[in-house]
Amino acid sequence: ASVDHCTHLSDADIDALAASETVATLLPGAEFSTRSPYPDARRLLDA
C-alpha cells in the first residue's frame, strides 16, 4: 500500500512507483531531525 521515506530514489524506483498503486509516503520530520537530505517530492509528483 505504501513505501515510506523514499529519500534516495533512482529513475527506476520512480518509474516503478508511477506504474503501480503503491503510495510514496514522505516523512520530512525525519529529515529535519536528522539533518538529512529531503525527498524530492516534486520529482515524484511530476512523474
PDB file of all heavy atoms in Angstrom:
ATOM      1  N   ALA A   1       0.837  -1.207   0.000  1.00  0.00           N
ATOM      2  CA  ALA A   1       0.000   0.000   0.000  1.00  0.00           C
ATOM      3  C   ALA A   1       0.860   1.241   0.000  1.00  0.00           C
ATOM      4  O   ALA A   1       0.507   2.249  -0.611  1.00  0.00           O
ATOM      5  CB  ALA A   1      -0.916  -0.008   1.227  1.00  0.00           C
ATOM      6  N   SER A   2       2.011   1.163   0.666  1.00  0.00           N
ATOM      7  CA  SER A   2       2.858   2.345   0.788  1.00  0.00           C
ATOM      8  C   SER A   2       4.309   1.929   0.997  1.00  0.00           C
ATOM      9  O   SER A   2       4.591   0.934   1.673  1.00  0.00           O
ATOM     10  CB  SER A   2       2.393   3.192   1.982  1.00  0.00           C
ATOM     11  OG  SER A   2       3.188   4.331   2.147  1.00  0.00           O
ATOM     12  N   VAL A   3       5.213   2.685   0.386  1.00  0.00           N
ATOM     13  CA  VAL A   3       6.629   2.636   0.747  1.00  0.00           C
ATOM     14  C   VAL A   3       6.965   3.987   1.351  1.00  0.00           C
ATOM     15  O   VAL A   3       6.618   5.030   0.804  1.00  0.00           O
ATOM     16  CB  VAL A   3       7.541   2.292  -0.443  1.00  0.00           C
ATOM     17  CG1 VAL A   3       7.335   0.847  -0.868  1.00  0.00           C
ATOM     18  CG2 VAL A   3       7.321   3.218  -1.617  1.00  0.00           C
ATOM     19  N   ASP A   4       7.633   3.962   2.491  1.00  0.00           N
ATOM     20  CA  ASP A   4       7.758   5.159   3.319  1.00  0.00           C
ATOM     21  C   ASP A   4       9.215   5.591   3.481  1.00  0.00           C
ATOM     22  O   ASP A   4      10.098   4.752   3.656  1.00  0.00           O
ATOM     23  CB  ASP A   4       7.150   4.889   4.691  1.00  0.00           C
ATOM     24  CG  ASP A   4       5.666   4.545   4.605  1.00  0.00           C
ATOM     25  OD1 ASP A   4       5.222   4.132   3.528  1.00  0.00           O
ATOM     26  OD2 ASP A   4       4.962   4.697   5.606  1.00  0.00           O
ATOM     27  N   HIS A   5       9.428   6.860   3.428  1.00  0.00           N
ATOM     28  CA  HIS A   5      10.686   7.614   3.440  1.00  0.00           C
ATOM     29  C   HIS A   5      11.036   8.040   2.019  1.00  0.00           C
ATOM     30  O   HIS A   5      10.978   9.208   1.701  1.00  0.00           O
ATOM     31  CB  HIS A   5      11.845   6.864   4.103  1.00  0.00           C
ATOM     32  CG  HIS A   5      11.740   6.781   5.584  1.00  0.00           C
ATOM     33  ND1 HIS A   5      11.884   7.884   6.409  1.00  0.00           N
ATOM     34  CD2 HIS A   5      11.490   5.729   6.406  1.00  0.00           C
ATOM     35  CE1 HIS A   5      11.735   7.529   7.678  1.00  0.00           C
ATOM     36  NE2 HIS A   5      11.482   6.220   7.706  1.00  0.00           N
ATOM     37  N   CYS A   6      11.475   7.113   1.157  1.00  0.00           N
ATOM     38  CA  CYS A   6      11.704   7.426  -0.265  1.00  0.00           C
ATOM     39  C   CYS A   6      12.636   8.622  -0.439  1.00  0.00           C
ATOM     40  O   CYS A   6      12.410   9.482  -1.298  1.00  0.00           O
ATOM     41  CB  CYS A   6      10.380   7.683  -0.974  1.00  0.00           C
ATOM     42  SG  CYS A   6       9.291   6.261  -1.059  1.00  0.00           S
ATOM     43  N   THR A   7      13.692   8.663   0.339  1.00  0.00           N
ATOM     44  CA  THR A   7      14.624   9.792   0.273  1.00  0.00           C
ATOM     45  C   THR A   7      15.607   9.651  -0.878  1.00  0.00           C
ATOM     46  O   THR A   7      15.944  10.642  -1.535  1.00  0.00           O
ATOM     47  CB  THR A   7      15.385   9.917   1.607  1.00  0.00           C
ATOM     48  OG1 THR A   7      14.446   9.902   2.692  1.00  0.00           O
ATOM     49  CG2 THR A   7      16.195  11.197   1.660  1.00  0.00           C
ATOM     50  N   HIS A   8      16.064   8.441  -1.133  1.00  0.00           N
ATOM     51  CA  HIS A   8      17.085   8.197  -2.153  1.00  0.00           C
ATOM     52  C   HIS A   8      16.491   7.289  -3.227  1.00  0.00           C
ATOM     53  O   HIS A   8      16.424   6.066  -3.058  1.00  0.00           O
ATOM     54  CB  HIS A   8      18.319   7.543  -1.527  1.00  0.00           C
ATOM     55  CG  HIS A   8      18.939   8.376  -0.439  1.00  0.00           C
ATOM     56  ND1 HIS A   8      19.868   9.358  -0.702  1.00  0.00           N
ATOM     57  CD2 HIS A   8      18.747   8.378   0.899  1.00  0.00           C
ATOM     58  CE1 HIS A   8      20.229   9.927   0.437  1.00  0.00           C
ATOM     59  NE2 HIS A   8      19.568   9.352   1.426  1.00  0.00           N
ATOM     60  N   LEU A   9      16.043   7.890  -4.341  1.00  0.00           N
ATOM     61  CA  LEU A   9      15.339   7.137  -5.375  1.00  0.00           C
ATOM     62  C   LEU A   9      16.061   7.226  -6.709  1.00  0.00           C
ATOM     63  O   LEU A   9      16.528   8.301  -7.107  1.00  0.00           O
ATOM     64  CB  LEU A   9      13.913   7.666  -5.546  1.00  0.00           C
ATOM     65  CG  LEU A   9      12.988   7.594  -4.333  1.00  0.00           C
ATOM     66  CD1 LEU A   9      11.619   8.135  -4.693  1.00  0.00           C
ATOM     67  CD2 LEU A   9      12.890   6.171  -3.789  1.00  0.00           C
ATOM     68  N   SER A  10      16.111   6.100  -7.394  1.00  0.00           N
ATOM     69  CA  SER A  10      16.616   6.068  -8.767  1.00  0.00           C
ATOM     70  C   SER A  10      15.468   6.344  -9.730  1.00  0.00           C
ATOM     71  O   SER A  10      14.291   6.318  -9.349  1.00  0.00           O
ATOM     72  CB  SER A  10      17.217   4.690  -9.071  1.00  0.00           C
ATOM     73  OG  SER A  10      16.188   3.706  -9.066  1.00  0.00           O
ATOM     74  N   ASP A  11      15.804   6.578 -10.988  1.00  0.00           N
ATOM     75  CA  ASP A  11      14.759   6.742 -12.002  1.00  0.00           C
ATOM     76  C   ASP A  11      13.895   5.484 -12.083  1.00  0.00           C
ATOM     77  O   ASP A  11      12.675   5.567 -12.261  1.00  0.00           O
ATOM     78  CB  ASP A  11      15.384   7.028 -13.365  1.00  0.00           C
ATOM     79  CG  ASP A  11      15.992   8.427 -13.443  1.00  0.00           C
ATOM     80  OD1 ASP A  11      15.684   9.270 -12.574  1.00  0.00           O
ATOM     81  OD2 ASP A  11      16.786   8.667 -14.378  1.00  0.00           O
ATOM     82  N   ALA A  12      14.535   4.316 -11.920  1.00  0.00           N
ATOM     83  CA  ALA A  12      13.771   3.058 -11.978  1.00  0.00           C
ATOM     84  C   ALA A  12      12.798   2.940 -10.814  1.00  0.00           C
ATOM     85  O   ALA A  12      11.687   2.423 -10.969  1.00  0.00           O
ATOM     86  CB  ALA A  12      14.735   1.867 -11.985  1.00  0.00           C
ATOM     87  N   ASP A  13      13.195   3.426  -9.632  1.00  0.00           N
ATOM     88  CA  ASP A  13      12.286   3.418  -8.481  1.00  0.00           C
ATOM     89  C   ASP A  13      11.053   4.270  -8.765  1.00  0.00           C
ATOM     90  O   ASP A  13       9.913   3.863  -8.490  1.00  0.00           O
ATOM     91  CB  ASP A  13      12.991   3.966  -7.233  1.00  0.00           C
ATOM     92  CG  ASP A  13      14.103   3.077  -6.724  1.00  0.00           C
ATOM     93  OD1 ASP A  13      14.018   1.851  -6.911  1.00  0.00           O
ATOM     94  OD2 ASP A  13      15.048   3.627  -6.129  1.00  0.00           O
ATOM     95  N   ILE A  14      11.287   5.451  -9.311  1.00  0.00           N
ATOM     96  CA  ILE A  14      10.169   6.360  -9.588  1.00  0.00           C
ATOM     97  C   ILE A  14       9.274   5.796 -10.679  1.00  0.00           C
ATOM     98  O   ILE A  14       8.040   5.856 -10.588  1.00  0.00           O
ATOM     99  CB  ILE A  14      10.700   7.759  -9.946  1.00  0.00           C
ATOM    100  CG1 ILE A  14      11.346   8.379  -8.704  1.00  0.00           C
ATOM    101  CG2 ILE A  14       9.582   8.647 -10.484  1.00  0.00           C
ATOM    102  CD1 ILE A  14      11.954   9.738  -8.914  1.00  0.00           C
ATOM    103  N   ASP A  15       9.868   5.207 -11.701  1.00  0.00           N
ATOM    104  CA  ASP A  15       9.068   4.588 -12.757  1.00  0.00           C
ATOM    105  C   ASP A  15       8.205   3.464 -12.195  1.00  0.00           C
ATOM    106  O   ASP A  15       7.029   3.313 -12.564  1.00  0.00           O
ATOM    107  CB  ASP A  15       9.969   4.041 -13.863  1.00  0.00           C
ATOM    108  CG  ASP A  15      10.627   5.136 -14.685  1.00  0.00           C
ATOM    109  OD1 ASP A  15      10.179   6.301 -14.614  1.00  0.00           O
ATOM    110  OD2 ASP A  15      11.611   4.829 -15.404  1.00  0.00           O
ATOM    111  N   ALA A  16       8.778   2.670 -11.287  1.00  0.00           N
ATOM    112  CA  ALA A  16       8.027   1.559 -10.696  1.00  0.00           C
ATOM    113  C   ALA A  16       6.852   2.082  -9.870  1.00  0.00           C
ATOM    114  O   ALA A  16       5.731   1.567  -9.947  1.00  0.00           O
ATOM    115  CB  ALA A  16       8.951   0.698  -9.832  1.00  0.00           C
ATOM    116  N   LEU A  17       7.089   3.115  -9.091  1.00  0.00           N
ATOM    117  CA  LEU A  17       6.009   3.697  -8.288  1.00  0.00           C
ATOM    118  C   LEU A  17       4.914   4.278  -9.175  1.00  0.00           C
ATOM    119  O   LEU A  17       3.726   4.093  -8.919  1.00  0.00           O
ATOM    120  CB  LEU A  17       6.567   4.786  -7.369  1.00  0.00           C
ATOM    121  CG  LEU A  17       7.374   4.298  -6.167  1.00  0.00           C
ATOM    122  CD1 LEU A  17       8.145   5.452  -5.540  1.00  0.00           C
ATOM    123  CD2 LEU A  17       6.456   3.655  -5.127  1.00  0.00           C
ATOM    124  N   ALA A  18       5.324   4.984 -10.220  1.00  0.00           N
ATOM    125  CA  ALA A  18       4.348   5.637 -11.097  1.00  0.00           C
ATOM    126  C   ALA A  18       3.462   4.626 -11.806  1.00  0.00           C
ATOM    127  O   ALA A  18       2.304   4.928 -12.129  1.00  0.00           O
ATOM    128  CB  ALA A  18       5.069   6.519 -12.107  1.00  0.00           C
ATOM    129  N   ALA A  19       3.991   3.442 -12.054  1.00  0.00           N
ATOM    130  CA  ALA A  19       3.230   2.410 -12.764  1.00  0.00           C
ATOM    131  C   ALA A  19       2.428   1.523 -11.819  1.00  0.00           C
ATOM    132  O   ALA A  19       1.782   0.572 -12.264  1.00  0.00           O
ATOM    133  CB  ALA A  19       4.182   1.550 -13.592  1.00  0.00           C
ATOM    134  N   SER A  20       2.450   1.835 -10.526  1.00  0.00           N
ATOM    135  CA  SER A  20       1.799   0.981  -9.533  1.00  0.00           C
ATOM    136  C   SER A  20       0.755   1.769  -8.760  1.00  0.00           C
ATOM    137  O   SER A  20       0.577   2.970  -8.955  1.00  0.00           O
ATOM    138  CB  SER A  20       2.854   0.452  -8.553  1.00  0.00           C
ATOM    139  OG  SER A  20       3.246   1.479  -7.645  1.00  0.00           O
ATOM    140  N   GLU A  21       0.077   1.070  -7.848  1.00  0.00           N
ATOM    141  CA  GLU A  21      -0.861   1.724  -6.933  1.00  0.00           C
ATOM    142  C   GLU A  21      -0.224   1.985  -5.575  1.00  0.00           C
ATOM    143  O   GLU A  21      -0.902   2.420  -4.635  1.00  0.00           O
ATOM    144  CB  GLU A  21      -2.112   0.862  -6.770  1.00  0.00           C
ATOM    145  CG  GLU A  21      -2.915   0.699  -8.064  1.00  0.00           C
ATOM    146  CD  GLU A  21      -4.192  -0.097  -7.868  1.00  0.00           C
ATOM    147  OE1 GLU A  21      -4.425  -0.542  -6.721  1.00  0.00           O
ATOM    148  OE2 GLU A  21      -4.939  -0.266  -8.842  1.00  0.00           O
ATOM    149  N   THR A  22       1.074   1.752  -5.462  1.00  0.00           N
ATOM    150  CA  THR A  22       1.786   1.961  -4.209  1.00  0.00           C
ATOM    151  C   THR A  22       2.028   3.453  -3.982  1.00  0.00           C
ATOM    152  O   THR A  22       2.512   4.154  -4.875  1.00  0.00           O
ATOM    153  CB  THR A  22       3.125   1.208  -4.216  1.00  0.00           C
ATOM    154  OG1 THR A  22       2.878  -0.198  -4.339  1.00  0.00           O
ATOM    155  CG2 THR A  22       3.908   1.461  -2.935  1.00  0.00           C
ATOM    156  N   VAL A  23       1.693   3.919  -2.800  1.00  0.00           N
ATOM    157  CA  VAL A  23       1.860   5.327  -2.430  1.00  0.00           C
ATOM    158  C   VAL A  23       3.281   5.539  -1.910  1.00  0.00           C
ATOM    159  O   VAL A  23       3.822   4.696  -1.188  1.00  0.00           O
ATOM    160  CB  VAL A  23       0.835   5.719  -1.359  1.00  0.00           C
ATOM    161  CG1 VAL A  23       1.070   7.132  -0.850  1.00  0.00           C
ATOM    162  CG2 VAL A  23      -0.583   5.565  -1.906  1.00  0.00           C
ATOM    163  N   ALA A  24       3.869   6.669  -2.263  1.00  0.00           N
ATOM    164  CA  ALA A  24       5.144   7.083  -1.672  1.00  0.00           C
ATOM    165  C   ALA A  24       4.836   8.009  -0.501  1.00  0.00           C
ATOM    166  O   ALA A  24       4.336   9.123  -0.698  1.00  0.00           O
ATOM    167  CB  ALA A  24       6.005   7.799  -2.701  1.00  0.00           C
ATOM    168  N   THR A  25       5.090   7.538   0.714  1.00  0.00           N
ATOM    169  CA  THR A  25       4.810   8.341   1.905  1.00  0.00           C
ATOM    170  C   THR A  25       6.095   9.025   2.350  1.00  0.00           C
ATOM    171  O   THR A  25       7.077   8.357   2.672  1.00  0.00           O
ATOM    172  CB  THR A  25       4.246   7.473   3.034  1.00  0.00           C
ATOM    173  OG1 THR A  25       3.000   6.895   2.594  1.00  0.00           O
ATOM    174  CG2 THR A  25       3.994   8.300   4.285  1.00  0.00           C
ATOM    175  N   LEU A  26       6.076  10.336   2.350  1.00  0.00           N
ATOM    176  CA  LEU A  26       7.251  11.135   2.681  1.00  0.00           C
ATOM    177  C   LEU A  26       7.150  11.632   4.113  1.00  0.00           C
ATOM    178  O   LEU A  26       6.066  12.001   4.581  1.00  0.00           O
ATOM    179  CB  LEU A  26       7.381  12.309   1.702  1.00  0.00           C
ATOM    180  CG  LEU A  26       7.310  11.941   0.217  1.00  0.00           C
ATOM    181  CD1 LEU A  26       7.543  13.171  -0.645  1.00  0.00           C
ATOM    182  CD2 LEU A  26       8.309  10.841  -0.125  1.00  0.00           C
ATOM    183  N   LEU A  27       8.281  11.652   4.800  1.00  0.00           N
ATOM    184  CA  LEU A  27       8.319  11.896   6.239  1.00  0.00           C
ATOM    185  C   LEU A  27       9.336  12.997   6.540  1.00  0.00           C
ATOM    186  O   LEU A  27      10.414  12.743   7.076  1.00  0.00           O
ATOM    187  CB  LEU A  27       8.686  10.607   6.973  1.00  0.00           C
ATOM    188  CG  LEU A  27       7.864   9.366   6.562  1.00  0.00           C
ATOM    189  CD1 LEU A  27       8.474   8.099   7.132  1.00  0.00           C
ATOM    190  CD2 LEU A  27       6.416   9.514   7.012  1.00  0.00           C
ATOM    191  N   PRO A  28       9.010  14.245   6.220  1.00  0.00           N
ATOM    192  CA  PRO A  28      10.016  15.305   6.324  1.00  0.00           C
ATOM    193  C   PRO A  28      10.461  15.604   7.744  1.00  0.00           C
ATOM    194  O   PRO A  28      11.531  16.187   7.942  1.00  0.00           O
ATOM    195  CB  PRO A  28       9.318  16.515   5.695  1.00  0.00           C
ATOM    196  CG  PRO A  28       7.854  16.226   5.818  1.00  0.00           C
ATOM    197  CD  PRO A  28       7.734  14.739   5.657  1.00  0.00           C
ATOM    198  N   GLY A  29       9.672  15.202   8.751  1.00  0.00           N
ATOM    199  CA  GLY A  29      10.127  15.372  10.121  1.00  0.00           C
ATOM    200  C   GLY A  29      11.411  14.608  10.392  1.00  0.00           C
ATOM    201  O   GLY A  29      12.245  15.039  11.202  1.00  0.00           O
ATOM    202  N   ALA A  30      11.584  13.464   9.725  1.00  0.00           N
ATOM    203  CA  ALA A  30      12.801  12.672   9.925  1.00  0.00           C
ATOM    204  C   ALA A  30      14.012  13.387   9.352  1.00  0.00           C
ATOM    205  O   ALA A  30      15.088  13.404   9.965  1.00  0.00           O
ATOM    206  CB  ALA A  30      12.635  11.296   9.289  1.00  0.00           C
ATOM    207  N   GLU A  31      13.852  13.989   8.177  1.00  0.00           N
ATOM    208  CA  GLU A  31      14.982  14.720   7.602  1.00  0.00           C
ATOM    209  C   GLU A  31      15.319  15.956   8.432  1.00  0.00           C
ATOM    210  O   GLU A  31      16.483  16.300   8.623  1.00  0.00           O
ATOM    211  CB  GLU A  31      14.669  15.126   6.154  1.00  0.00           C
ATOM    212  CG  GLU A  31      14.878  14.026   5.141  1.00  0.00           C
ATOM    213  CD  GLU A  31      13.846  12.915   5.226  1.00  0.00           C
ATOM    214  OE1 GLU A  31      12.655  13.224   5.418  1.00  0.00           O
ATOM    215  OE2 GLU A  31      14.232  11.734   5.106  1.00  0.00           O
ATOM    216  N   PHE A  32      14.293  16.632   8.943  1.00  0.00           N
ATOM    217  CA  PHE A  32      14.518  17.787   9.811  1.00  0.00           C
ATOM    218  C   PHE A  32      15.321  17.385  11.036  1.00  0.00           C
ATOM    219  O   PHE A  32      16.278  18.065  11.432  1.00  0.00           O
ATOM    220  CB  PHE A  32      13.171  18.380  10.220  1.00  0.00           C
ATOM    221  CG  PHE A  32      13.268  19.526  11.176  1.00  0.00           C
ATOM    222  CD1 PHE A  32      13.416  20.821  10.719  1.00  0.00           C
ATOM    223  CD2 PHE A  32      13.201  19.312  12.555  1.00  0.00           C
ATOM    224  CE1 PHE A  32      13.506  21.889  11.603  1.00  0.00           C
ATOM    225  CE2 PHE A  32      13.289  20.365  13.448  1.00  0.00           C
ATOM    226  CZ  PHE A  32      13.447  21.664  12.977  1.00  0.00           C
ATOM    227  N   SER A  33      14.925  16.258  11.666  1.00  0.00           N
ATOM    228  CA  SER A  33      15.528  15.851  12.927  1.00  0.00           C
ATOM    229  C   SER A  33      16.893  15.189  12.767  1.00  0.00           C
ATOM    230  O   SER A  33      17.659  15.112  13.732  1.00  0.00           O
ATOM    231  CB  SER A  33      14.574  14.892  13.654  1.00  0.00           C
ATOM    232  OG  SER A  33      15.076  14.521  14.907  1.00  0.00           O
ATOM    233  N   THR A  34      17.196  14.707  11.577  1.00  0.00           N
ATOM    234  CA  THR A  34      18.481  14.026  11.360  1.00  0.00           C
ATOM    235  C   THR A  34      19.430  14.827  10.466  1.00  0.00           C
ATOM    236  O   THR A  34      20.520  14.377  10.165  1.00  0.00           O
ATOM    237  CB  THR A  34      18.263  12.649  10.718  1.00  0.00           C
ATOM    238  OG1 THR A  34      17.616  12.801   9.452  1.00  0.00           O
ATOM    239  CG2 THR A  34      17.416  11.760  11.620  1.00  0.00           C
ATOM    240  N   ARG A  35      19.001  16.024  10.052  1.00  0.00           N
ATOM    241  CA  ARG A  35      19.797  16.847   9.139  1.00  0.00           C
ATOM    242  C   ARG A  35      20.231  16.063   7.905  1.00  0.00           C
ATOM    243  O   ARG A  35      21.386  16.097   7.470  1.00  0.00           O
ATOM    244  CB  ARG A  35      21.018  17.426   9.853  1.00  0.00           C
ATOM    245  CG  ARG A  35      20.706  18.635  10.703  1.00  0.00           C
ATOM    246  CD  ARG A  35      21.942  19.343  11.192  1.00  0.00           C
ATOM    247  NE  ARG A  35      21.582  20.567  11.896  1.00  0.00           N
ATOM    248  CZ  ARG A  35      22.363  21.152  12.807  1.00  0.00           C
ATOM    249  NH1 ARG A  35      23.526  20.615  13.123  1.00  0.00           N
ATOM    250  NH2 ARG A  35      21.966  22.262  13.390  1.00  0.00           N
ATOM    251  N   SER A  36      19.265  15.351   7.339  1.00  0.00           N
ATOM    252  CA  SER A  36      19.498  14.548   6.143  1.00  0.00           C
ATOM    253  C   SER A  36      18.866  15.246   4.942  1.00  0.00           C
ATOM    254  O   SER A  36      18.025  16.132   5.097  1.00  0.00           O
ATOM    255  CB  SER A  36      18.882  13.163   6.320  1.00  0.00           C
ATOM    256  OG  SER A  36      19.446  12.503   7.425  1.00  0.00           O
ATOM    257  N   PRO A  37      19.231  14.844   3.729  1.00  0.00           N
ATOM    258  CA  PRO A  37      18.581  15.430   2.545  1.00  0.00           C
ATOM    259  C   PRO A  37      17.095  15.099   2.531  1.00  0.00           C
ATOM    260  O   PRO A  37      16.685  13.994   2.897  1.00  0.00           O
ATOM    261  CB  PRO A  37      19.302  14.742   1.376  1.00  0.00           C
ATOM    262  CG  PRO A  37      20.577  14.215   1.945  1.00  0.00           C
ATOM    263  CD  PRO A  37      20.296  13.889   3.375  1.00  0.00           C
ATOM    264  N   TYR A  38      16.290  16.055   2.103  1.00  0.00           N
ATOM    265  CA  TYR A  38      14.853  15.830   1.998  1.00  0.00           C
ATOM    266  C   TYR A  38      14.525  15.059   0.724  1.00  0.00           C
ATOM    267  O   TYR A  38      15.219  15.183  -0.288  1.00  0.00           O
ATOM    268  CB  TYR A  38      14.106  17.163   1.977  1.00  0.00           C
ATOM    269  CG  TYR A  38      14.047  17.843   3.316  1.00  0.00           C
ATOM    270  CD1 TYR A  38      15.048  18.732   3.703  1.00  0.00           C
ATOM    271  CD2 TYR A  38      13.003  17.599   4.198  1.00  0.00           C
ATOM    272  CE1 TYR A  38      14.993  19.365   4.945  1.00  0.00           C
ATOM    273  CE2 TYR A  38      12.948  18.220   5.431  1.00  0.00           C
ATOM    274  CZ  TYR A  38      13.953  19.099   5.804  1.00  0.00           C
ATOM    275  OH  TYR A  38      13.905  19.714   7.034  1.00  0.00           O
ATOM    276  N   PRO A  39      13.451  14.267   0.737  1.00  0.00           N
ATOM    277  CA  PRO A  39      12.995  13.633  -0.507  1.00  0.00           C
ATOM    278  C   PRO A  39      12.605  14.699  -1.535  1.00  0.00           C
ATOM    279  O   PRO A  39      12.191  15.807  -1.174  1.00  0.00           O
ATOM    280  CB  PRO A  39      11.760  12.824  -0.069  1.00  0.00           C
ATOM    281  CG  PRO A  39      11.861  12.710   1.409  1.00  0.00           C
ATOM    282  CD  PRO A  39      12.585  13.924   1.885  1.00  0.00           C
ATOM    283  N   ASP A  40      12.725  14.340  -2.793  1.00  0.00           N
ATOM    284  CA  ASP A  40      12.352  15.256  -3.873  1.00  0.00           C
ATOM    285  C   ASP A  40      10.901  14.977  -4.261  1.00  0.00           C
ATOM    286  O   ASP A  40      10.615  14.235  -5.199  1.00  0.00           O
ATOM    287  CB  ASP A  40      13.284  15.071  -5.071  1.00  0.00           C
ATOM    288  CG  ASP A  40      13.101  16.140  -6.132  1.00  0.00           C
ATOM    289  OD1 ASP A  40      12.092  16.870  -6.077  1.00  0.00           O
ATOM    290  OD2 ASP A  40      13.973  16.244  -7.022  1.00  0.00           O
ATOM    291  N   ALA A  41       9.988  15.583  -3.530  1.00  0.00           N
ATOM    292  CA  ALA A  41       8.570  15.354  -3.803  1.00  0.00           C
ATOM    293  C   ALA A  41       8.182  15.825  -5.198  1.00  0.00           C
ATOM    294  O   ALA A  41       7.336  15.204  -5.854  1.00  0.00           O
ATOM    295  CB  ALA A  41       7.720  16.076  -2.760  1.00  0.00           C
ATOM    296  N   ARG A  42       8.796  16.912  -5.657  1.00  0.00           N
ATOM    297  CA  ARG A  42       8.455  17.434  -6.983  1.00  0.00           C
ATOM    298  C   ARG A  42       8.719  16.401  -8.074  1.00  0.00           C
ATOM    299  O   ARG A  42       7.920  16.219  -8.997  1.00  0.00           O
ATOM    300  CB  ARG A  42       9.288  18.699  -7.239  1.00  0.00           C
ATOM    301  CG  ARG A  42       9.035  19.401  -8.531  1.00  0.00           C
ATOM    302  CD  ARG A  42       7.796  20.292  -8.449  1.00  0.00           C
ATOM    303  NE  ARG A  42       6.571  19.615  -8.830  1.00  0.00           N
ATOM    304  CZ  ARG A  42       5.436  19.708  -8.134  1.00  0.00           C
ATOM    305  NH1 ARG A  42       5.359  20.417  -7.028  1.00  0.00           N
ATOM    306  NH2 ARG A  42       4.358  19.066  -8.547  1.00  0.00           N
ATOM    307  N   ARG A  43       9.824  15.705  -7.947  1.00  0.00           N
ATOM    308  CA  ARG A  43      10.180  14.667  -8.926  1.00  0.00           C
ATOM    309  C   ARG A  43       9.132  13.556  -8.932  1.00  0.00           C
ATOM    310  O   ARG A  43       8.729  13.075  -9.998  1.00  0.00           O
ATOM    311  CB  ARG A  43      11.562  14.124  -8.565  1.00  0.00           C
ATOM    312  CG  ARG A  43      12.197  13.169  -9.548  1.00  0.00           C
ATOM    313  CD  ARG A  43      13.589  12.829  -9.034  1.00  0.00           C
ATOM    314  NE  ARG A  43      14.185  11.691  -9.730  1.00  0.00           N
ATOM    315  CZ  ARG A  43      15.016  10.832  -9.166  1.00  0.00           C
ATOM    316  NH1 ARG A  43      15.363  10.971  -7.887  1.00  0.00           N
ATOM    317  NH2 ARG A  43      15.518   9.825  -9.860  1.00  0.00           N
ATOM    318  N   LEU A  44       8.681  13.161  -7.764  1.00  0.00           N
ATOM    319  CA  LEU A  44       7.665  12.119  -7.664  1.00  0.00           C
ATOM    320  C   LEU A  44       6.331  12.586  -8.240  1.00  0.00           C
ATOM    321  O   LEU A  44       5.697  11.879  -9.029  1.00  0.00           O
ATOM    322  CB  LEU A  44       7.489  11.712  -6.198  1.00  0.00           C
ATOM    323  CG  LEU A  44       8.605  10.867  -5.589  1.00  0.00           C
ATOM    324  CD1 LEU A  44       8.553  10.945  -4.073  1.00  0.00           C
ATOM    325  CD2 LEU A  44       8.501   9.424  -6.048  1.00  0.00           C
ATOM    326  N   LEU A  45       5.910  13.762  -7.860  1.00  0.00           N
ATOM    327  CA  LEU A  45       4.626  14.271  -8.317  1.00  0.00           C
ATOM    328  C   LEU A  45       4.603  14.477  -9.824  1.00  0.00           C
ATOM    329  O   LEU A  45       3.622  14.141 -10.497  1.00  0.00           O
ATOM    330  CB  LEU A  45       4.301  15.583  -7.600  1.00  0.00           C
ATOM    331  CG  LEU A  45       3.977  15.443  -6.105  1.00  0.00           C
ATOM    332  CD1 LEU A  45       4.080  16.790  -5.409  1.00  0.00           C
ATOM    333  CD2 LEU A  45       2.590  14.844  -5.911  1.00  0.00           C
ATOM    334  N   ASP A  46       5.686  14.996 -10.353  1.00  0.00           N
ATOM    335  CA  ASP A  46       5.733  15.235 -11.795  1.00  0.00           C
ATOM    336  C   ASP A  46       5.712  13.934 -12.591  1.00  0.00           C
ATOM    337  O   ASP A  46       5.289  13.919 -13.753  1.00  0.00           O
ATOM    338  CB  ASP A  46       6.978  16.046 -12.157  1.00  0.00           C
ATOM    339  CG  ASP A  46       6.877  17.502 -11.709  1.00  0.00           C
ATOM    340  OD1 ASP A  46       5.771  17.930 -11.314  1.00  0.00           O
ATOM    341  OD2 ASP A  46       7.915  18.198 -11.732  1.00  0.00           O
ATOM    342  N   ALA A  47       6.133  12.837 -11.947  1.00  0.00           N
ATOM    343  CA  ALA A  47       6.110  11.529 -12.605  1.00  0.00           C
ATOM    344  C   ALA A  47       4.756  10.837 -12.463  1.00  0.00           C
ATOM    345  O   ALA A  47       4.546   9.763 -13.034  1.00  0.00           O
ATOM    346  CB  ALA A  47       7.207  10.636 -12.036  1.00  0.00           C
TER     347      ALA A  47
END
